[in-house]
Amino acid sequence: MLLDSFSIVWDASIIPGVSLAGIPLHASAVDLEAVLSKYLTDKNSLRYRFEGAPDLCLSGYGLDERGNGGYSFSIFDDEIVSELKKGVPALSILIRNGRVYAVKVYDFSFPGEPAHRFVYKGLLSECIGLGSLVSDILPFTSLEFDEAEEWFYTGRDYGALEVTGWGVPLEEQPNQLITAICVIQG
């Protein structure tokens, strides 16, 4: 993959098993680091500004000797984030064996709060994204709840996607909102 072959965009489509925020799965960690460097606006505070995104702070980074690790970005101005949601990242990127393995976005706000306007705005092709009902996905794919991880997996035919709601099965809480979306390698 060429260094300039992708951009990180805060409203890019979510493509299960392929990309999220414009970050393609399988991109090398070296290429990702080069692309991330284009968005670094302040080295001292580790402030980043992706296309259409609020200022984000690199709140976690690390790769081990095998090329496993990742990045975690949080909203820079965390005073607008509710006390109950502080520490929830906005974006995380998981690296395995030197390649992007998963990309995840989180809703670090409650509906109606000022921080809500800063969460990731990209959507699945069915116009479903953060803050939508988990059940909105059901006409397009099956959902299996993982009780250990407390998130849902879509059917393989849909593409590799994890959807987080409120940590319980839909039968218990049918009106769960999507609080995180993760595109993973299939």
Protein backbone atom coordinates (compact mmCIF):
# COMPACT_ATOMS: atom_id res chain seq x y z
CA MET A 1 0.00 0.00 0.00
CA LEU A 2 1.33 3.44 -0.86
CA LEU A 3 1.85 5.90 1.98
CA ASP A 4 -0.66 8.41 0.66
CA SER A 5 -3.23 5.86 -0.50
CA PHE A 6 -5.75 6.61 2.25
CA SER A 7 -7.03 9.46 4.37
CA ILE A 8 -8.62 9.39 7.81
CA VAL A 9 -12.08 10.92 7.48
CA TRP A 10 -14.57 11.39 10.35
CA ASP A 11 -17.63 10.70 8.21
CA ALA A 12 -16.25 8.01 5.88
CA SER A 13 -18.53 5.05 5.27
CA ILE A 14 -18.22 2.02 7.53
CA ILE A 15 -17.47 -1.00 5.34
CA PRO A 16 -17.61 -4.26 7.33
CA GLY A 17 -14.45 -6.32 6.96
CA VAL A 18 -12.83 -3.55 4.86
CA SER A 19 -12.47 -0.13 6.49
CA LEU A 20 -13.70 2.42 9.01
CA ALA A 21 -12.88 6.15 9.05
CA GLY A 22 -11.11 5.54 5.76
CA ILE A 23 -8.53 3.33 7.51
CA PRO A 24 -8.23 0.10 5.55
CA LEU A 25 -7.80 -3.21 7.30
CA HIS A 26 -4.52 -4.91 6.37
CA ALA A 27 -2.69 -1.55 5.99
CA SER A 28 0.84 -1.87 7.32
CA ALA A 29 1.70 -0.26 10.65
CA VAL A 30 4.42 1.70 8.86
CA ASP A 31 1.97 3.13 6.33
CA LEU A 32 -0.55 3.89 9.07
CA GLU A 33 2.08 5.76 11.07
CA ALA A 34 3.00 7.80 8.00
CA VAL A 35 -0.64 8.68 7.35
CA LEU A 36 -1.22 9.54 11.03
CA SER A 37 1.77 11.89 10.96
CA LYS A 38 -0.05 14.06 8.37
CA TYR A 39 -2.75 14.76 10.97
CA LEU A 40 -0.49 15.57 13.93
CA THR A 41 -1.06 19.25 14.76
CA ASP A 42 0.84 19.50 18.06
CA LYS A 43 3.65 17.09 18.96
CA ASN A 44 3.86 18.22 22.59
CA SER A 45 0.21 17.49 23.38
CA LEU A 46 -0.11 14.66 20.82
CA ARG A 47 -3.05 16.50 19.25
CA TYR A 48 -4.43 15.16 15.96
CA ARG A 49 -7.06 16.53 13.61
CA PHE A 50 -8.46 14.05 11.09
CA GLU A 51 -10.62 15.23 8.20
CA GLY A 52 -13.94 16.51 9.59
CA ALA A 53 -13.05 15.41 13.13
CA PRO A 54 -12.70 17.29 16.40
CA ASP A 55 -9.24 17.59 17.87
CA LEU A 56 -8.21 14.22 19.27
CA CYS A 57 -5.42 13.32 21.65
CA LEU A 58 -3.31 10.20 21.22
CA SER A 59 -4.08 8.69 24.60
CA GLY A 60 -2.42 5.33 24.06
CA TYR A 61 0.11 3.82 21.70
CA GLY A 62 2.38 0.86 21.63
CA LEU A 63 3.66 -1.96 19.47
CA ASP A 64 5.56 -4.96 20.77
CA GLU A 65 8.47 -6.69 19.04
CA ARG A 66 6.03 -8.82 17.00
CA GLY A 67 4.16 -5.78 15.68
CA ASN A 68 1.13 -6.18 17.96
CA GLY A 69 -0.48 -3.23 19.74
CA GLY A 70 -2.31 -0.18 18.54
CA TYR A 71 -3.47 3.40 18.94
CA SER A 72 -6.20 4.97 21.05
CA PHE A 73 -7.48 8.51 20.47
CA SER A 74 -9.71 10.48 22.83
CA ILE A 75 -11.42 13.82 22.42
CA PHE A 76 -8.88 16.54 23.22
CA ASP A 77 -11.27 18.92 24.95
CA ASP A 78 -12.61 16.40 27.44
CA GLU A 79 -14.39 19.04 29.54
CA ILE A 80 -17.37 18.63 27.20
CA VAL A 81 -17.47 14.89 27.93
CA SER A 82 -19.74 13.73 30.76
CA GLU A 83 -17.96 12.53 33.89
CA LEU A 84 -19.48 9.07 33.30
CA LYS A 85 -17.98 8.88 29.80
CA LYS A 86 -14.50 10.28 30.51
CA GLY A 87 -11.91 7.78 29.43
CA VAL A 88 -14.04 6.41 26.59
CA PRO A 89 -11.92 6.77 23.45
CA ALA A 90 -13.24 8.20 20.21
CA LEU A 91 -11.20 5.91 17.96
CA SER A 92 -8.95 2.91 18.42
CA ILE A 93 -6.84 1.01 15.92
CA LEU A 94 -5.62 -2.51 16.66
CA ILE A 95 -2.43 -3.75 15.02
CA ARG A 96 -1.55 -7.45 14.71
CA ASN A 97 1.63 -8.73 13.08
CA GLY A 98 2.43 -5.24 11.79
CA ARG A 99 -0.93 -4.73 10.04
CA VAL A 100 -4.21 -3.01 10.88
CA TYR A 101 -6.43 -5.76 12.26
CA ALA A 102 -9.40 -3.75 13.59
CA VAL A 103 -10.69 -0.17 13.73
CA LYS A 104 -13.26 0.86 16.33
CA VAL A 105 -15.22 4.05 16.99
CA TYR A 106 -17.06 4.84 20.21
CA ASP A 107 -19.87 7.12 21.28
CA PHE A 108 -18.29 9.03 24.18
CA SER A 109 -21.49 10.99 24.85
CA PHE A 110 -25.09 10.65 25.92
CA PRO A 111 -27.87 11.74 23.52
CA GLY A 112 -28.44 15.48 23.64
CA GLU A 113 -25.10 16.33 25.26
CA PRO A 114 -22.75 18.87 23.61
CA ALA A 115 -20.13 16.13 23.09
CA HIS A 116 -22.55 14.17 20.89
CA ARG A 117 -21.87 16.41 17.90
CA PHE A 118 -18.22 15.28 17.93
CA VAL A 119 -18.70 11.51 17.75
CA TYR A 120 -17.85 9.65 14.55
CA LYS A 121 -20.41 10.38 11.81
CA GLY A 122 -19.70 7.62 9.28
CA LEU A 123 -22.50 5.17 8.51
CA LEU A 124 -22.97 1.66 7.24
CA SER A 125 -24.53 1.47 3.76
CA GLU A 126 -27.92 1.07 5.45
CA CYS A 127 -27.54 4.52 7.11
CA ILE A 128 -26.82 2.96 10.51
CA GLY A 129 -24.14 4.37 12.80
CA LEU A 130 -23.33 5.34 16.36
CA GLY A 131 -26.52 6.23 18.21
CA SER A 132 -28.76 4.14 15.93
CA LEU A 133 -30.73 1.26 17.39
CA VAL A 134 -28.81 -2.04 17.45
CA SER A 135 -31.97 -3.70 16.11
CA ASP A 136 -31.83 -1.49 12.97
CA ILE A 137 -29.18 -3.90 11.64
CA LEU A 138 -31.45 -6.97 11.87
CA PRO A 139 -33.14 -6.55 8.46
CA PHE A 140 -29.68 -6.79 6.85
CA THR A 141 -27.88 -9.47 8.88
CA SER A 142 -28.18 -11.70 11.88
CA LEU A 143 -26.70 -10.62 15.22
CA GLU A 144 -25.15 -12.97 17.74
CA PHE A 145 -24.59 -11.69 21.27
CA ASP A 146 -21.27 -12.62 22.89
CA GLU A 147 -22.02 -12.76 26.61
CA ALA A 148 -18.33 -12.76 27.58
CA GLU A 149 -17.46 -9.69 25.51
CA GLU A 150 -20.91 -8.08 25.79
CA TRP A 151 -21.18 -7.10 22.13
CA PHE A 152 -22.88 -8.38 18.98
CA TYR A 153 -21.31 -10.00 15.92
CA THR A 154 -22.92 -9.75 12.51
CA GLY A 155 -23.39 -12.74 10.24
CA ARG A 156 -20.40 -13.67 8.05
CA ASP A 157 -22.34 -12.82 4.89
CA TYR A 158 -22.53 -9.18 6.03
CA GLY A 159 -18.81 -8.76 6.69
CA ALA A 160 -16.80 -8.75 9.88
CA LEU A 161 -18.43 -6.25 12.24
CA GLU A 162 -18.82 -5.96 16.00
CA VAL A 163 -21.58 -3.75 17.38
CA THR A 164 -21.75 -2.71 21.02
CA GLY A 165 -25.01 -1.80 22.69
CA TRP A 166 -25.69 -1.85 26.40
CA GLY A 167 -23.95 -5.15 27.13
CA VAL A 168 -27.08 -7.30 27.23
CA PRO A 169 -28.98 -9.40 24.65
CA LEU A 170 -31.64 -7.66 22.55
CA GLU A 171 -34.29 -9.84 24.16
CA GLU A 172 -33.57 -8.09 27.47
CA GLN A 173 -33.23 -4.56 26.09
CA PRO A 174 -34.67 -4.31 22.53
CA ASN A 175 -34.16 -0.52 22.30
CA GLN A 176 -30.39 -0.50 22.81
CA LEU A 177 -28.42 2.22 21.08
CA ILE A 178 -25.18 1.50 19.26
CA THR A 179 -22.36 2.75 21.49
CA ALA A 180 -19.41 1.37 19.49
CA ILE A 181 -18.74 -0.13 16.07
CA CYS A 182 -15.68 -2.19 15.18
CA VAL A 183 -14.63 -3.32 11.71
CA ILE A 184 -12.38 -6.37 11.96
CA GLN A 185 -10.61 -8.73 9.60
CA GLY A 186 -12.87 -11.61 8.64
